[in-house]
C-alpha cells in the first residue's frame, strides 16, 4: 500500500491544492490502547460521546471506551465476519450484520445472547439501517433484496428485490420515511419505507457506489465510489430536496473511497465532510467548493474500511491492518487532522 504513489502513471499535482500539507505522525507520539479486535476491523460506529461499537473478521462486536482505552463489553453470536453496525436513536441497543446472513440485536447493558436474531437473506448482509424512531430496521444483501423488519416483534413486514441491485450500504433519512441505498450497479437509490418501493434513482456513476451518508438536516447526502489509480475514487454530494442532481465532487483519493461522513459544524468553521479510502488516507473537504482542506496518511494501516464521528473533536477510523485509529481535528493551527491513539 505504501508504494502506491510510485506506481501511478499520471501526475497527481492537480489533486493537491496549494498549502495543503499531508500529516504523518510518528508512531512514538501515539497512545497505543489495548486492541479492540484480534483481526481486521470492518466497521466502527459511535454509540455516544465516549463509546464506539465495532465489528470485524474476528466475528466479534466490541463496545469500547475510546477516551479511556478500555473494552466495555464483547458480544459473540455471529459465525462469520461482521459487515455492518446500525445504532438506534438515543438508545443503548444496536444491530450487527454479518457474512453469516444474519442480523443480531444487542443491548449494551444486557449480558448473554442477542435480544433478537433476524433471518431472511440468502447471502451476506451488506446494509442495515434503523428508522429515526427505532421501530423499524431495514437490511440489504448481495441477494438483491431489501427486508423491512418490525423491531418490536422481530418480524419481516415487507420485502423488495431489484435485479442486479447488490446492496453495499443503507442509511435512513432523519425524520423521514425514506432510506438511501448504494449498490454495485453504480447507482444510489432512494426508497420509501412505507411500501418499500423505489422513490428515486440518482444518475448512475462510472464506478461501484460503496457507501452513503445523509446530513443531519436530511437535505443532502454523500455517496462514495470505488476505483484505482485515481480513476473513480471520489465522493459525490447530492441534493435530496428538489433537483436531486449532483452538487459537488471530491476528488483526490487514489483507491476506493470506503466511507464518508458529514462533520459537525462545531468541529470546523465551514461546512465539511471527511472521507477514508483504501489508499490509507483520511481527507477533510470543503463541502461547498470541493477543496481538500487536510489529509492524514495512516501508513501501514492497510485499506481504511470505516469512518465515524466520535464527538465534536474526534473521528474514529477502522483499518484492515492496525485496528481503529482515533483522529483529532484541530483548528488551532488552521485545519489539522492528526492521529492521537490506536486500539
C-alpha atoms as a PDB file:
ATOM      1  CA  UNK A   1       0.000   0.000   0.000  1.00  0.00           C
ATOM      2  CA  UNK A   2       2.771   2.413   0.884  1.00  0.00           C
ATOM      3  CA  UNK A   3       4.337   2.105  -2.615  1.00  0.00           C
ATOM      4  CA  UNK A   4       1.162   3.100  -4.401  1.00  0.00           C
ATOM      5  CA  UNK A   5       2.210   6.617  -5.358  1.00  0.00           C
ATOM      6  CA  UNK A   6       5.417   5.412  -7.035  1.00  0.00           C
ATOM      7  CA  UNK A   7       3.326   3.241  -9.354  1.00  0.00           C
ATOM      8  CA  UNK A   8       0.957   5.966 -10.524  1.00  0.00           C
ATOM      9  CA  UNK A   9       1.032   6.571 -14.254  1.00  0.00           C
ATOM     10  CA  UNK A  10      -0.157  10.141 -14.057  1.00  0.00           C
ATOM     11  CA  UNK A  11       0.944  13.231 -12.191  1.00  0.00           C
ATOM     12  CA  UNK A  12      -1.074  13.847  -9.026  1.00  0.00           C
ATOM     13  CA  UNK A  13      -0.331  17.544  -8.592  1.00  0.00           C
ATOM     14  CA  UNK A  14      -3.829  18.578  -9.643  1.00  0.00           C
ATOM     15  CA  UNK A  15      -5.279  16.748  -6.635  1.00  0.00           C
ATOM     16  CA  UNK A  16      -3.145  18.656  -4.130  1.00  0.00           C
ATOM     17  CA  UNK A  17      -4.383  22.213  -3.511  1.00  0.00           C
ATOM     18  CA  UNK A  18      -1.704  24.756  -2.683  1.00  0.00           C
ATOM     19  CA  UNK A  19      -0.965  24.974   1.015  1.00  0.00           C
ATOM     20  CA  UNK A  20      -2.334  21.545   1.903  1.00  0.00           C
ATOM     21  CA  UNK A  21       0.226  19.522   3.820  1.00  0.00           C
ATOM     22  CA  UNK A  22      -0.103  15.803   4.429  1.00  0.00           C
ATOM     23  CA  UNK A  23       0.313  14.979   8.111  1.00  0.00           C
ATOM     24  CA  UNK A  24       2.355  11.921   9.108  1.00  0.00           C
ATOM     25  CA  UNK A  25       2.552  11.455  12.864  1.00  0.00           C
ATOM     26  CA  UNK A  26       5.464   9.368  14.187  1.00  0.00           C
ATOM     27  CA  UNK A  27       4.228   6.210  15.881  1.00  0.00           C
ATOM     28  CA  UNK A  28       6.075   7.070  19.108  1.00  0.00           C
ATOM     29  CA  UNK A  29       3.799  10.081  19.684  1.00  0.00           C
ATOM     30  CA  UNK A  30       0.654   7.923  19.649  1.00  0.00           C
ATOM     31  CA  UNK A  31      -1.204   6.440  22.589  1.00  0.00           C
ATOM     32  CA  UNK A  32      -1.489   2.692  21.988  1.00  0.00           C
ATOM     33  CA  UNK A  33      -4.506   1.272  23.803  1.00  0.00           C
ATOM     34  CA  UNK A  34      -5.425  -2.385  24.165  1.00  0.00           C
ATOM     35  CA  UNK A  35      -6.694  -3.646  20.791  1.00  0.00           C
ATOM     36  CA  UNK A  36     -10.432  -3.926  20.360  1.00  0.00           C
ATOM     37  CA  UNK A  37     -10.087  -6.792  17.872  1.00  0.00           C
ATOM     38  CA  UNK A  38      -7.581  -9.510  17.044  1.00  0.00           C
ATOM     39  CA  UNK A  39      -8.118  -9.208  13.287  1.00  0.00           C
ATOM     40  CA  UNK A  40      -9.160  -6.690  10.629  1.00  0.00           C
ATOM     41  CA  UNK A  41     -11.887  -4.216  11.608  1.00  0.00           C
ATOM     42  CA  UNK A  42     -14.704  -3.875   9.057  1.00  0.00           C
ATOM     43  CA  UNK A  43     -16.889  -1.215  10.659  1.00  0.00           C
ATOM     44  CA  UNK A  44     -16.930   1.286  13.511  1.00  0.00           C
ATOM     45  CA  UNK A  45     -19.811   3.472  14.751  1.00  0.00           C
ATOM     46  CA  UNK A  46     -20.066   5.981  17.614  1.00  0.00           C
ATOM     47  CA  UNK A  47     -22.648   4.901  20.191  1.00  0.00           C
ATOM     48  CA  UNK A  48     -22.263   8.108  22.246  1.00  0.00           C
ATOM     49  CA  UNK A  49     -19.580  10.685  23.113  1.00  0.00           C
ATOM     50  CA  UNK A  50     -17.484   8.051  24.939  1.00  0.00           C
ATOM     51  CA  UNK A  51     -18.241   4.691  23.374  1.00  0.00           C
ATOM     52  CA  UNK A  52     -17.900   3.197  19.947  1.00  0.00           C
ATOM     53  CA  UNK A  53     -19.135  -0.137  18.618  1.00  0.00           C
ATOM     54  CA  UNK A  54     -17.091  -2.057  16.082  1.00  0.00           C
ATOM     55  CA  UNK A  55     -17.003  -5.387  14.283  1.00  0.00           C
ATOM     56  CA  UNK A  56     -14.609  -7.295  12.103  1.00  0.00           C
ATOM     57  CA  UNK A  57     -13.167 -10.555  10.878  1.00  0.00           C
ATOM     58  CA  UNK A  58     -12.885 -11.966  14.403  1.00  0.00           C
ATOM     59  CA  UNK A  59     -16.710 -12.340  14.348  1.00  0.00           C
ATOM     60  CA  UNK A  60     -16.981 -10.212  17.492  1.00  0.00           C
ATOM     61  CA  UNK A  61     -18.852  -6.970  18.193  1.00  0.00           C
ATOM     62  CA  UNK A  62     -16.991  -4.769  20.680  1.00  0.00           C
ATOM     63  CA  UNK A  63     -18.184  -1.796  22.728  1.00  0.00           C
ATOM     64  CA  UNK A  64     -15.102   0.301  23.521  1.00  0.00           C
ATOM     65  CA  UNK A  65     -14.496   3.449  25.579  1.00  0.00           C
ATOM     66  CA  UNK A  66     -12.134   5.320  23.268  1.00  0.00           C
ATOM     67  CA  UNK A  67     -11.480   8.037  25.870  1.00  0.00           C
ATOM     68  CA  UNK A  68     -10.085   5.596  28.448  1.00  0.00           C
ATOM     69  CA  UNK A  69      -8.872   2.833  26.150  1.00  0.00           C
ATOM     70  CA  UNK A  70     -10.981   0.108  27.756  1.00  0.00           C
ATOM     71  CA  UNK A  71     -13.157  -2.635  26.329  1.00  0.00           C
ATOM     72  CA  UNK A  72     -16.633  -2.236  27.854  1.00  0.00           C
ATOM     73  CA  UNK A  73     -18.153  -5.438  26.508  1.00  0.00           C
ATOM     74  CA  UNK A  74     -17.659  -8.082  23.830  1.00  0.00           C
ATOM     75  CA  UNK A  75     -20.667  -9.564  22.044  1.00  0.00           C
ATOM     76  CA  UNK A  76     -20.368 -13.009  20.464  1.00  0.00           C
ATOM     77  CA  UNK A  77     -23.030 -14.628  18.343  1.00  0.00           C
ATOM     78  CA  UNK A  78     -22.022 -14.342  14.701  1.00  0.00           C
ATOM     79  CA  UNK A  79     -20.350 -17.189  12.870  1.00  0.00           C
ATOM     80  CA  UNK A  80     -18.610 -15.130  10.204  1.00  0.00           C
ATOM     81  CA  UNK A  81     -17.164 -11.630   9.663  1.00  0.00           C
ATOM     82  CA  UNK A  82     -19.165  -8.611  10.862  1.00  0.00           C
ATOM     83  CA  UNK A  83     -20.015  -6.353   7.899  1.00  0.00           C
ATOM     84  CA  UNK A  84     -22.175  -3.518   9.300  1.00  0.00           C
ATOM     85  CA  UNK A  85     -23.292  -1.912  12.564  1.00  0.00           C
ATOM     86  CA  UNK A  86     -26.513   0.110  12.952  1.00  0.00           C
ATOM     87  CA  UNK A  87     -27.390   2.170  16.021  1.00  0.00           C
ATOM     88  CA  UNK A  88     -30.796   3.029  17.429  1.00  0.00           C
ATOM     89  CA  UNK A  89     -31.551   6.696  18.051  1.00  0.00           C
ATOM     90  CA  UNK A  90     -30.735   7.705  21.643  1.00  0.00           C
ATOM     91  CA  UNK A  91     -30.558   4.079  22.712  1.00  0.00           C
ATOM     92  CA  UNK A  92     -28.033   1.589  24.020  1.00  0.00           C
ATOM     93  CA  UNK A  93     -29.387  -1.011  21.619  1.00  0.00           C
ATOM     94  CA  UNK A  94     -27.729  -1.693  18.279  1.00  0.00           C
ATOM     95  CA  UNK A  95     -27.630  -4.203  15.433  1.00  0.00           C
ATOM     96  CA  UNK A  96     -24.841  -6.109  13.743  1.00  0.00           C
ATOM     97  CA  UNK A  97     -24.908  -7.664  10.286  1.00  0.00           C
ATOM     98  CA  UNK A  98     -22.624 -10.421   9.099  1.00  0.00           C
ATOM     99  CA  UNK A  99     -21.476 -12.640   6.290  1.00  0.00           C
ATOM    100  CA  UNK A 100     -23.391 -15.394   8.100  1.00  0.00           C
ATOM    101  CA  UNK A 101     -26.569 -13.827   6.581  1.00  0.00           C
ATOM    102  CA  UNK A 102     -27.937 -12.796   9.976  1.00  0.00           C
ATOM    103  CA  UNK A 103     -28.724  -9.522  11.723  1.00  0.00           C
ATOM    104  CA  UNK A 104     -28.422  -9.637  15.527  1.00  0.00           C
ATOM    105  CA  UNK A 105     -29.810  -7.146  18.045  1.00  0.00           C
ATOM    106  CA  UNK A 106     -27.779  -6.310  21.170  1.00  0.00           C
ATOM    107  CA  UNK A 107     -28.198  -4.263  24.330  1.00  0.00           C
ATOM    108  CA  UNK A 108     -25.147  -2.618  25.888  1.00  0.00           C
ATOM    109  CA  UNK A 109     -26.362  -3.368  29.415  1.00  0.00           C
ATOM    110  CA  UNK A 110     -27.753  -6.862  28.899  1.00  0.00           C
ATOM    111  CA  UNK A 111     -25.368  -9.820  29.070  1.00  0.00           C
ATOM    112  CA  UNK A 112     -25.785 -13.091  27.270  1.00  0.00           C
ATOM    113  CA  UNK A 113     -27.156 -13.904  23.810  1.00  0.00           C
ATOM    114  CA  UNK A 114     -28.576 -11.331  21.367  1.00  0.00           C
ATOM    115  CA  UNK A 115     -32.031  -9.913  22.012  1.00  0.00           C
ATOM    116  CA  UNK A 116     -33.155 -10.841  18.515  1.00  0.00           C
ATOM    117  CA  UNK A 117     -31.954 -12.785  15.507  1.00  0.00           C
ATOM    118  CA  UNK A 118     -33.279 -11.630  12.138  1.00  0.00           C
ATOM    119  CA  UNK A 119     -33.072 -14.288   9.424  1.00  0.00           C
ATOM    120  CA  UNK A 120     -34.243 -13.819   5.852  1.00  0.00           C
ATOM    121  CA  UNK A 121     -31.374 -13.107   3.466  1.00  0.00           C
ATOM    122  CA  UNK A 122     -29.866 -15.734   1.187  1.00  0.00           C
ATOM    123  CA  UNK A 123     -26.423 -14.100   1.023  1.00  0.00           C
ATOM    124  CA  UNK A 124     -24.152 -11.864   3.105  1.00  0.00           C
ATOM    125  CA  UNK A 125     -25.936  -8.881   4.708  1.00  0.00           C
ATOM    126  CA  UNK A 126     -24.219  -5.724   3.410  1.00  0.00           C
ATOM    127  CA  UNK A 127     -26.540  -2.973   4.604  1.00  0.00           C
ATOM    128  CA  UNK A 128     -28.522  -2.267   7.770  1.00  0.00           C
ATOM    129  CA  UNK A 129     -30.262   0.916   8.956  1.00  0.00           C
ATOM    130  CA  UNK A 130     -32.575   1.800  11.859  1.00  0.00           C
ATOM    131  CA  UNK A 131     -35.540   4.150  11.441  1.00  0.00           C
ATOM    132  CA  UNK A 132     -35.457   7.523  13.278  1.00  0.00           C
ATOM    133  CA  UNK A 133     -37.939   6.275  15.901  1.00  0.00           C
ATOM    134  CA  UNK A 134     -36.086   2.924  16.216  1.00  0.00           C
ATOM    135  CA  UNK A 135     -39.291   0.979  15.493  1.00  0.00           C
ATOM    136  CA  UNK A 136     -38.108  -0.419  12.158  1.00  0.00           C
ATOM    137  CA  UNK A 137     -34.946  -1.797  10.677  1.00  0.00           C
ATOM    138  CA  UNK A 138     -34.098  -2.265   7.017  1.00  0.00           C
ATOM    139  CA  UNK A 139     -31.493  -4.786   5.883  1.00  0.00           C
ATOM    140  CA  UNK A 140     -29.968  -5.287   2.452  1.00  0.00           C
ATOM    141  CA  UNK A 141     -27.876  -8.005   0.905  1.00  0.00           C
ATOM    142  CA  UNK A 142     -25.945  -9.206  -2.093  1.00  0.00           C
ATOM    143  CA  UNK A 143     -29.048 -11.289  -2.842  1.00  0.00           C
ATOM    144  CA  UNK A 144     -30.533  -8.092  -4.419  1.00  0.00           C
ATOM    145  CA  UNK A 145     -33.142  -7.895  -1.665  1.00  0.00           C
ATOM    146  CA  UNK A 146     -34.164  -5.345   0.969  1.00  0.00           C
ATOM    147  CA  UNK A 147     -36.117  -6.541   4.017  1.00  0.00           C
ATOM    148  CA  UNK A 148     -38.054  -4.260   6.374  1.00  0.00           C
ATOM    149  CA  UNK A 149     -38.363  -5.509   9.953  1.00  0.00           C
ATOM    150  CA  UNK A 150     -40.641  -4.630  12.864  1.00  0.00           C
ATOM    151  CA  UNK A 151     -38.070  -4.275  15.655  1.00  0.00           C
ATOM    152  CA  UNK A 152     -40.533  -4.883  18.488  1.00  0.00           C
ATOM    153  CA  UNK A 153     -41.783  -8.173  17.058  1.00  0.00           C
ATOM    154  CA  UNK A 154     -38.607  -9.212  15.284  1.00  0.00           C
ATOM    155  CA  UNK A 155     -40.597  -9.992  12.138  1.00  0.00           C
ATOM    156  CA  UNK A 156     -40.133  -9.106   8.488  1.00  0.00           C
ATOM    157  CA  UNK A 157     -43.079  -6.955   7.352  1.00  0.00           C
ATOM    158  CA  UNK A 158     -42.013  -6.106   3.788  1.00  0.00           C
ATOM    159  CA  UNK A 159     -39.514  -7.225   1.185  1.00  0.00           C
ATOM    160  CA  UNK A 160     -38.388  -5.866  -2.175  1.00  0.00           C
ATOM    161  CA  UNK A 161     -35.997  -7.099  -4.819  1.00  0.00           C
ATOM    162  CA  UNK A 162     -34.390  -5.295  -7.764  1.00  0.00           C
ATOM    163  CA  UNK A 163     -32.376  -7.185 -10.360  1.00  0.00           C
ATOM    164  CA  UNK A 164     -28.593  -6.640 -10.067  1.00  0.00           C
ATOM    165  CA  UNK A 165     -29.069  -4.471  -7.005  1.00  0.00           C
ATOM    166  CA  UNK A 166     -26.184  -5.824  -4.939  1.00  0.00           C
ATOM    167  CA  UNK A 167     -26.515  -3.660  -1.830  1.00  0.00           C
ATOM    168  CA  UNK A 168     -23.335  -2.070  -0.439  1.00  0.00           C
ATOM    169  CA  UNK A 169     -24.800   0.258   2.223  1.00  0.00           C
ATOM    170  CA  UNK A 170     -28.043   1.578   3.705  1.00  0.00           C
ATOM    171  CA  UNK A 171     -28.839   4.696   5.741  1.00  0.00           C
ATOM    172  CA  UNK A 172     -32.095   6.277   6.917  1.00  0.00           C
ATOM    173  CA  UNK A 173     -33.008   9.895   6.178  1.00  0.00           C
ATOM    174  CA  UNK A 174     -33.535  11.733   9.502  1.00  0.00           C
ATOM    175  CA  UNK A 175     -37.192  12.452  10.393  1.00  0.00           C
ATOM    176  CA  UNK A 176     -38.392  10.919   7.114  1.00  0.00           C
ATOM    177  CA  UNK A 177     -39.756   7.534   5.964  1.00  0.00           C
ATOM    178  CA  UNK A 178     -37.025   7.326   3.329  1.00  0.00           C
ATOM    179  CA  UNK A 179     -33.859   5.264   3.012  1.00  0.00           C
ATOM    180  CA  UNK A 180     -30.770   5.693   0.861  1.00  0.00           C
ATOM    181  CA  UNK A 181     -29.026   2.701  -0.611  1.00  0.00           C
ATOM    182  CA  UNK A 182     -25.828   2.277  -2.625  1.00  0.00           C
ATOM    183  CA  UNK A 183     -25.239  -0.614  -4.968  1.00  0.00           C
ATOM    184  CA  UNK A 184     -22.673  -2.438  -7.048  1.00  0.00           C
ATOM    185  CA  UNK A 185     -24.750  -1.474 -10.109  1.00  0.00           C
ATOM    186  CA  UNK A 186     -23.211   2.039  -9.666  1.00  0.00           C
ATOM    187  CA  UNK A 187     -26.438   3.715  -8.561  1.00  0.00           C
ATOM    188  CA  UNK A 188     -27.798   5.470  -5.477  1.00  0.00           C
ATOM    189  CA  UNK A 189     -31.459   4.709  -4.736  1.00  0.00           C
ATOM    190  CA  UNK A 190     -33.986   6.466  -2.520  1.00  0.00           C
ATOM    191  CA  UNK A 191     -36.559   4.072  -1.044  1.00  0.00           C
ATOM    192  CA  UNK A 192     -39.931   4.878   0.532  1.00  0.00           C
ATOM    193  CA  UNK A 193     -40.184   2.581   3.548  1.00  0.00           C
ATOM    194  CA  UNK A 194     -43.992   2.863   3.698  1.00  0.00           C
ATOM    195  CA  UNK A 195     -44.298   0.477   0.771  1.00  0.00           C
ATOM    196  CA  UNK A 196     -40.644  -0.415   0.407  1.00  0.00           C
ATOM    197  CA  UNK A 197     -40.647   0.945  -3.125  1.00  0.00           C
ATOM    198  CA  UNK A 198     -38.001   2.864  -5.059  1.00  0.00           C
ATOM    199  CA  UNK A 199     -38.892   6.572  -4.958  1.00  0.00           C
ATOM    200  CA  UNK A 200     -35.945   7.861  -6.988  1.00  0.00           C
ATOM    201  CA  UNK A 201     -32.809   6.606  -8.723  1.00  0.00           C
ATOM    202  CA  UNK A 202     -29.946   9.078  -8.996  1.00  0.00           C
ATOM    203  CA  UNK A 203     -27.904   9.295 -12.213  1.00  0.00           C
ATOM    204  CA  UNK A 204     -25.585   6.306 -12.415  1.00  0.00           C
ATOM    205  CA  UNK A 205     -21.902   6.839 -11.692  1.00  0.00           C
ATOM    206  CA  UNK A 206     -18.956   5.261 -13.509  1.00  0.00           C
ATOM    207  CA  UNK A 207     -17.941   3.028 -10.608  1.00  0.00           C
ATOM    208  CA  UNK A 208     -19.486   0.917  -7.850  1.00  0.00           C
ATOM    209  CA  UNK A 209     -21.040   3.032  -5.106  1.00  0.00           C
ATOM    210  CA  UNK A 210     -19.626   1.767  -1.813  1.00  0.00           C
ATOM    211  CA  UNK A 211     -21.232   3.882   0.906  1.00  0.00           C
ATOM    212  CA  UNK A 212     -23.725   6.675   1.605  1.00  0.00           C
ATOM    213  CA  UNK A 213     -24.434   9.162   4.395  1.00  0.00           C
ATOM    214  CA  UNK A 214     -27.234  11.710   4.958  1.00  0.00           C
ATOM    215  CA  UNK A 215     -26.730  15.114   6.553  1.00  0.00           C
ATOM    216  CA  UNK A 216     -28.332  15.739   9.938  1.00  0.00           C
ATOM    217  CA  UNK A 217     -30.897  18.111   8.429  1.00  0.00           C
ATOM    218  CA  UNK A 218     -31.862  15.495   5.835  1.00  0.00           C
ATOM    219  CA  UNK A 219     -31.258  17.844   2.904  1.00  0.00           C
ATOM    220  CA  UNK A 220     -28.061  16.416   1.418  1.00  0.00           C
ATOM    221  CA  UNK A 221     -26.330  13.090   1.041  1.00  0.00           C
ATOM    222  CA  UNK A 222     -22.909  11.807   0.036  1.00  0.00           C
ATOM    223  CA  UNK A 223     -22.021   8.642  -1.833  1.00  0.00           C
ATOM    224  CA  UNK A 224     -18.572   7.108  -2.396  1.00  0.00           C
ATOM    225  CA  UNK A 225     -17.067   5.403  -5.435  1.00  0.00           C
ATOM    226  CA  UNK A 226     -14.725   2.500  -5.888  1.00  0.00           C
ATOM    227  CA  UNK A 227     -11.724   2.890  -8.173  1.00  0.00           C
ATOM    228  CA  UNK A 228      -7.985   2.514  -8.694  1.00  0.00           C
ATOM    229  CA  UNK A 229      -5.043   4.787  -9.532  1.00  0.00           C
ATOM    230  CA  UNK A 230      -7.238   7.874  -9.259  1.00  0.00           C
ATOM    231  CA  UNK A 231      -9.952   6.672 -11.655  1.00  0.00           C
ATOM    232  CA  UNK A 232     -13.244   6.863  -9.777  1.00  0.00           C
ATOM    233  CA  UNK A 233     -12.208   7.097  -6.110  1.00  0.00           C
ATOM    234  CA  UNK A 234     -14.399  10.156  -5.496  1.00  0.00           C
ATOM    235  CA  UNK A 235     -17.163  11.194  -3.128  1.00  0.00           C
ATOM    236  CA  UNK A 236     -20.258  12.876  -4.532  1.00  0.00           C
ATOM    237  CA  UNK A 237     -22.653  15.327  -2.865  1.00  0.00           C
ATOM    238  CA  UNK A 238     -26.332  15.122  -3.856  1.00  0.00           C
ATOM    239  CA  UNK A 239     -29.369  17.321  -3.108  1.00  0.00           C
ATOM    240  CA  UNK A 240     -32.342  15.439  -1.636  1.00  0.00           C
ATOM    241  CA  UNK A 241     -34.768  18.374  -1.622  1.00  0.00           C
ATOM    242  CA  UNK A 242     -35.565  19.364  -5.189  1.00  0.00           C
ATOM    243  CA  UNK A 243     -33.274  18.619  -8.112  1.00  0.00           C
ATOM    244  CA  UNK A 244     -31.622  15.525  -6.624  1.00  0.00           C
ATOM    245  CA  UNK A 245     -28.776  16.171  -9.010  1.00  0.00           C
ATOM    246  CA  UNK A 246     -25.072  16.001  -8.330  1.00  0.00           C
ATOM    247  CA  UNK A 247     -23.955  19.121  -6.439  1.00  0.00           C
ATOM    248  CA  UNK A 248     -20.211  18.639  -5.944  1.00  0.00           C
ATOM    249  CA  UNK A 249     -17.492  16.016  -6.295  1.00  0.00           C
ATOM    250  CA  UNK A 250     -14.484  15.472  -4.072  1.00  0.00           C
ATOM    251  CA  UNK A 251     -11.500  14.053  -5.951  1.00  0.00           C
ATOM    252  CA  UNK A 252      -8.047  13.282  -4.595  1.00  0.00           C
ATOM    253  CA  UNK A 253      -8.007   9.697  -3.354  1.00  0.00           C
ATOM    254  CA  UNK A 254      -6.160   7.108  -5.433  1.00  0.00           C
ATOM    255  CA  UNK A 255      -8.078   3.996  -4.460  1.00  0.00           C
ATOM    256  CA  UNK A 256     -11.637   3.063  -3.451  1.00  0.00           C
ATOM    257  CA  UNK A 257     -13.333   5.510  -1.074  1.00  0.00           C
ATOM    258  CA  UNK A 258     -14.882   3.225   1.534  1.00  0.00           C
ATOM    259  CA  UNK A 259     -16.596   5.691   3.880  1.00  0.00           C
ATOM    260  CA  UNK A 260     -17.711   9.308   4.185  1.00  0.00           C
ATOM    261  CA  UNK A 261     -19.247  11.448   6.936  1.00  0.00           C
ATOM    262  CA  UNK A 262     -20.634  14.942   7.375  1.00  0.00           C
ATOM    263  CA  UNK A 263     -18.642  16.726  10.073  1.00  0.00           C
ATOM    264  CA  UNK A 264     -20.469  18.704  12.796  1.00  0.00           C
ATOM    265  CA  UNK A 265     -20.402  22.483  12.397  1.00  0.00           C
ATOM    266  CA  UNK A 266     -18.994  22.704  15.927  1.00  0.00           C
ATOM    267  CA  UNK A 267     -15.953  20.791  14.688  1.00  0.00           C
ATOM    268  CA  UNK A 268     -14.999  23.067  11.758  1.00  0.00           C
ATOM    269  CA  UNK A 269     -15.690  26.690  10.865  1.00  0.00           C
ATOM    270  CA  UNK A 270     -17.020  25.841   7.385  1.00  0.00           C
ATOM    271  CA  UNK A 271     -19.312  23.009   6.168  1.00  0.00           C
ATOM    272  CA  UNK A 272     -17.069  19.990   5.727  1.00  0.00           C
ATOM    273  CA  UNK A 273     -17.099  16.286   5.011  1.00  0.00           C
ATOM    274  CA  UNK A 274     -14.484  13.614   5.668  1.00  0.00           C
ATOM    275  CA  UNK A 275     -13.610  10.540   3.629  1.00  0.00           C
ATOM    276  CA  UNK A 276     -11.486   7.442   4.217  1.00  0.00           C
ATOM    277  CA  UNK A 277     -10.019   5.300   1.490  1.00  0.00           C
ATOM    278  CA  UNK A 278      -8.179   2.105   0.667  1.00  0.00           C
ATOM    279  CA  UNK A 279      -5.189   4.361  -0.122  1.00  0.00           C
ATOM    280  CA  UNK A 280      -4.597   4.687   3.677  1.00  0.00           C
ATOM    281  CA  UNK A 281      -5.654   8.353   3.714  1.00  0.00           C
ATOM    282  CA  UNK A 282      -8.333  10.338   5.515  1.00  0.00           C
ATOM    283  CA  UNK A 283      -9.268  13.662   3.927  1.00  0.00           C
ATOM    284  CA  UNK A 284     -11.365  16.636   5.018  1.00  0.00           C
ATOM    285  CA  UNK A 285     -13.097  18.627   2.278  1.00  0.00           C
ATOM    286  CA  UNK A 286     -14.850  21.964   2.000  1.00  0.00           C
ATOM    287  CA  UNK A 287     -18.381  20.796   1.337  1.00  0.00           C
ATOM    288  CA  UNK A 288     -19.294  23.763  -0.867  1.00  0.00           C
ATOM    289  CA  UNK A 289     -16.177  24.137  -3.019  1.00  0.00           C
ATOM    290  CA  UNK A 290     -14.785  20.596  -3.109  1.00  0.00           C
ATOM    291  CA  UNK A 291     -11.350  21.817  -1.962  1.00  0.00           C
ATOM    292  CA  UNK A 292      -9.272  19.416   0.135  1.00  0.00           C
ATOM    293  CA  UNK A 293      -8.539  21.117   3.456  1.00  0.00           C
ATOM    294  CA  UNK A 294      -6.496  18.436   5.221  1.00  0.00           C
ATOM    295  CA  UNK A 295      -5.026  14.989   4.535  1.00  0.00           C
ATOM    296  CA  UNK A 296      -3.771  12.427   7.014  1.00  0.00           C
ATOM    297  CA  UNK A 297      -1.765   9.407   5.835  1.00  0.00           C
ATOM    298  CA  UNK A 298      -2.097   6.345   8.049  1.00  0.00           C
ATOM    299  CA  UNK A 299       0.831   4.480   6.528  1.00  0.00           C
ATOM    300  CA  UNK A 300       0.912   0.751   7.172  1.00  0.00           C
ATOM    301  CA  UNK A 301      -2.727   0.624   8.220  1.00  0.00           C
ATOM    302  CA  UNK A 302      -3.839  -1.135   5.065  1.00  0.00           C
ATOM    303  CA  UNK A 303      -7.167  -0.195   3.491  1.00  0.00           C
ATOM    304  CA  UNK A 304      -9.270   2.121   5.661  1.00  0.00           C
ATOM    305  CA  UNK A 305     -12.665   0.481   5.966  1.00  0.00           C
ATOM    306  CA  UNK A 306     -14.954   2.723   8.032  1.00  0.00           C
ATOM    307  CA  UNK A 307     -15.187   6.263   9.428  1.00  0.00           C
ATOM    308  CA  UNK A 308     -17.329   7.700  12.235  1.00  0.00           C
ATOM    309  CA  UNK A 309     -17.677  10.996  14.134  1.00  0.00           C
ATOM    310  CA  UNK A 310     -16.754  10.420  17.787  1.00  0.00           C
ATOM    311  CA  UNK A 311     -17.662  13.837  19.193  1.00  0.00           C
ATOM    312  CA  UNK A 312     -17.032  17.493  18.349  1.00  0.00           C
ATOM    313  CA  UNK A 313     -13.256  16.964  18.152  1.00  0.00           C
ATOM    314  CA  UNK A 314     -12.601  13.348  17.203  1.00  0.00           C
ATOM    315  CA  UNK A 315     -13.051  10.885  14.354  1.00  0.00           C
ATOM    316  CA  UNK A 316     -12.815   7.093  14.546  1.00  0.00           C
ATOM    317  CA  UNK A 317     -11.309   5.259  11.591  1.00  0.00           C
ATOM    318  CA  UNK A 318     -11.258   1.471  11.184  1.00  0.00           C
ATOM    319  CA  UNK A 319      -8.479  -0.213   9.224  1.00  0.00           C
ATOM    320  CA  UNK A 320      -7.507  -3.548   7.763  1.00  0.00           C
ATOM    321  CA  UNK A 321      -4.108  -3.940   9.464  1.00  0.00           C
ATOM    322  CA  UNK A 322      -3.998  -1.775  12.584  1.00  0.00           C
ATOM    323  CA  UNK A 323      -7.365  -1.772  14.283  1.00  0.00           C
ATOM    324  CA  UNK A 324      -9.117   1.519  14.989  1.00  0.00           C
ATOM    325  CA  UNK A 325      -7.433   4.923  14.788  1.00  0.00           C
ATOM    326  CA  UNK A 326      -8.510   7.869  16.945  1.00  0.00           C
ATOM    327  CA  UNK A 327      -8.106  11.120  14.996  1.00  0.00           C
ATOM    328  CA  UNK A 328      -8.304  14.672  16.297  1.00  0.00           C
ATOM    329  CA  UNK A 329      -9.480  17.641  14.247  1.00  0.00           C
ATOM    330  CA  UNK A 330      -7.508  20.673  15.443  1.00  0.00           C
ATOM    331  CA  UNK A 331      -8.166  24.255  14.304  1.00  0.00           C
ATOM    332  CA  UNK A 332      -5.531  25.936  16.473  1.00  0.00           C
ATOM    333  CA  UNK A 333      -3.106  25.991  13.518  1.00  0.00           C
ATOM    334  CA  UNK A 334      -5.538  26.022  10.648  1.00  0.00           C
ATOM    335  CA  UNK A 335      -7.385  22.783   9.995  1.00  0.00           C
ATOM    336  CA  UNK A 336      -5.132  19.908  11.074  1.00  0.00           C
ATOM    337  CA  UNK A 337      -6.076  16.251  11.181  1.00  0.00           C
ATOM    338  CA  UNK A 338      -3.788  14.070  13.320  1.00  0.00           C
ATOM    339  CA  UNK A 339      -3.800  10.652  14.890  1.00  0.00           C
ATOM    340  CA  UNK A 340      -3.646  10.601  18.680  1.00  0.00           C
ATOM    341  CA  UNK A 341      -4.336   6.953  19.566  1.00  0.00           C
ATOM    342  CA  UNK A 342      -4.957   3.473  18.197  1.00  0.00           C
ATOM    343  CA  UNK A 343      -6.746   0.472  19.615  1.00  0.00           C
END
